[in-house]
C-alpha atoms as a PDB file:
ATOM      1  CA  MET A   1       0.000   0.000   0.000  1.00  0.00           C
ATOM      2  CA  LEU A   2       2.688   2.533   0.928  1.00  0.00           C
ATOM      3  CA  GLY A   3       4.989   1.421  -1.882  1.00  0.00           C
ATOM      4  CA  GLN A   4       3.278   3.789  -4.318  1.00  0.00           C
ATOM      5  CA  TYR A   5       4.334   6.760  -2.189  1.00  0.00           C
ATOM      6  CA  PHE A   6       8.058   5.997  -1.936  1.00  0.00           C
ATOM      7  CA  GLY A   7       9.926   8.369  -4.211  1.00  0.00           C
ATOM      8  CA  ASN A   8       6.787  10.450  -4.819  1.00  0.00           C
ATOM      9  CA  GLU A   9       6.775  12.498  -1.640  1.00  0.00           C
ATOM     10  CA  THR A  10       5.675  16.116  -2.019  1.00  0.00           C
ATOM     11  CA  ARG A  11       7.923  17.452   0.729  1.00  0.00           C
ATOM     12  CA  ASP A  12      11.458  18.727   0.149  1.00  0.00           C
ATOM     13  CA  PRO A  13      13.698  17.319   2.934  1.00  0.00           C
ATOM     14  CA  ALA A  14      16.073  20.311   2.818  1.00  0.00           C
ATOM     15  CA  LYS A  15      13.229  22.793   3.306  1.00  0.00           C
ATOM     16  CA  ALA A  16      11.730  20.683   6.094  1.00  0.00           C
ATOM     17  CA  ALA A  17      15.132  20.662   7.815  1.00  0.00           C
ATOM     18  CA  GLN A  18      15.294  24.465   7.589  1.00  0.00           C
ATOM     19  CA  VAL A  19      11.932  24.731   9.339  1.00  0.00           C
ATOM     20  CA  VAL A  20      12.969  22.281  12.063  1.00  0.00           C
ATOM     21  CA  LEU A  21      16.228  24.139  12.695  1.00  0.00           C
ATOM     22  CA  LYS A  22      14.457  27.510  12.876  1.00  0.00           C
ATOM     23  CA  LEU A  23      11.942  26.033  15.316  1.00  0.00           C
ATOM     24  CA  ALA A  24      14.734  24.704  17.512  1.00  0.00           C
ATOM     25  CA  TYR A  25      15.976  28.229  18.184  1.00  0.00           C
ATOM     26  CA  ARG A  26      12.591  29.674  19.164  1.00  0.00           C
ATOM     27  CA  GLU A  27      11.672  30.207  22.798  1.00  0.00           C
ATOM     28  CA  ALA A  28       8.186  28.789  22.238  1.00  0.00           C
ATOM     29  CA  PRO A  29       8.228  26.597  19.119  1.00  0.00           C
ATOM     30  CA  ALA A  30       5.112  25.084  17.628  1.00  0.00           C
ATOM     31  CA  VAL A  31       4.618  21.779  19.413  1.00  0.00           C
ATOM     32  CA  ARG A  32       2.907  20.069  16.492  1.00  0.00           C
ATOM     33  CA  LEU A  33       3.528  21.344  13.003  1.00  0.00           C
ATOM     34  CA  PRO A  34       2.640  19.108  10.078  1.00  0.00           C
ATOM     35  CA  LEU A  35       5.139  19.700   7.272  1.00  0.00           C
ATOM     36  CA  GLY A  36       3.847  19.589   3.702  1.00  0.00           C
ATOM     37  CA  SER A  37       0.461  19.353   2.043  1.00  0.00           C
ATOM     38  CA  ASP A  38       0.243  15.599   2.563  1.00  0.00           C
ATOM     39  CA  ALA A  39       0.725  16.045   6.318  1.00  0.00           C
ATOM     40  CA  LEU A  40      -1.818  18.875   6.418  1.00  0.00           C
ATOM     41  CA  HIS A  41      -4.304  16.717   4.554  1.00  0.00           C
ATOM     42  CA  ASN A  42      -3.742  13.683   6.778  1.00  0.00           C
ATOM     43  CA  SER A  43      -3.947  15.672  10.008  1.00  0.00           C
ATOM     44  CA  GLY A  44      -7.149  17.415   8.919  1.00  0.00           C
ATOM     45  CA  GLU A  45      -7.652  21.147   8.537  1.00  0.00           C
ATOM     46  CA  ALA A  46      -9.313  21.506  11.964  1.00  0.00           C
ATOM     47  CA  ASP A  47      -6.398  19.824  13.739  1.00  0.00           C
ATOM     48  CA  THR A  48      -3.922  21.960  11.803  1.00  0.00           C
ATOM     49  CA  ALA A  49      -5.618  25.214  12.737  1.00  0.00           C
ATOM     50  CA  CYS A  50      -5.676  24.207  16.377  1.00  0.00           C
ATOM     51  CA  ALA A  51      -2.232  22.656  16.696  1.00  0.00           C
ATOM     52  CA  ALA A  52      -0.281  25.009  14.475  1.00  0.00           C
ATOM     53  CA  SER A  53      -1.980  28.326  15.350  1.00  0.00           C
ATOM     54  CA  GLY A  54      -3.789  28.860  12.119  1.00  0.00           C
ATOM     55  CA  ALA A  55      -3.075  30.179   8.661  1.00  0.00           C
ATOM     56  CA  ALA A  56       0.357  31.669   9.356  1.00  0.00           C
ATOM     57  CA  TRP A  57       1.789  28.289  10.389  1.00  0.00           C
ATOM     58  CA  ARG A  58      -0.037  26.659   7.484  1.00  0.00           C
ATOM     59  CA  GLN A  59       2.039  28.816   5.115  1.00  0.00           C
ATOM     60  CA  VAL A  60       5.242  27.654   6.836  1.00  0.00           C
ATOM     61  CA  SER A  61       4.103  24.060   6.455  1.00  0.00           C
ATOM     62  CA  LEU A  62       3.353  24.468   2.742  1.00  0.00           C
ATOM     63  CA  ALA A  63       6.731  26.154   2.188  1.00  0.00           C
ATOM     64  CA  THR A  64       8.349  22.721   2.672  1.00  0.00           C
ATOM     65  CA  GLU A  65       6.857  21.461  -0.606  1.00  0.00           C
ATOM     66  CA  ARG A  66       8.940  20.720  -3.674  1.00  0.00           C
ATOM     67  CA  GLY A  67       8.553  23.672  -6.018  1.00  0.00           C
ATOM     68  CA  ALA A  68       7.771  26.162  -3.231  1.00  0.00           C
ATOM     69  CA  PRO A  69       9.857  29.356  -3.198  1.00  0.00           C
ATOM     70  CA  ALA A  70      13.342  28.836  -1.779  1.00  0.00           C
ATOM     71  CA  SER A  71      12.913  31.318   1.061  1.00  0.00           C
ATOM     72  CA  LEU A  72      10.696  30.395   3.984  1.00  0.00           C
ATOM     73  CA  PRO A  73       7.861  32.712   5.038  1.00  0.00           C
ATOM     74  CA  ALA A  74       8.219  34.582   8.302  1.00  0.00           C
ATOM     75  CA  PHE A  75       7.350  32.481  11.318  1.00  0.00           C
ATOM     76  CA  PRO A  76       4.399  33.722  13.397  1.00  0.00           C
ATOM     77  CA  GLN A  77       5.224  35.494  16.630  1.00  0.00           C
ATOM     78  CA  SER A  78       5.119  33.336  19.762  1.00  0.00           C
END
């Protein structure tokens, strides 16, 4: 079942790593932040809005996609 997904992931590992590293240096990082559209879809939009503080974090999550602009959006204030 999962074999069809291997090699077809939508997330860019380098961009995801940038987000994780930026989160590590925040005083109050997001506790749960789905990275990529597949993670947002699987976690459900309601869970995402609750866990990741809404639309601003959603933009950070989507910035980890392949083909997204190279620079990350600004992280929301704590």
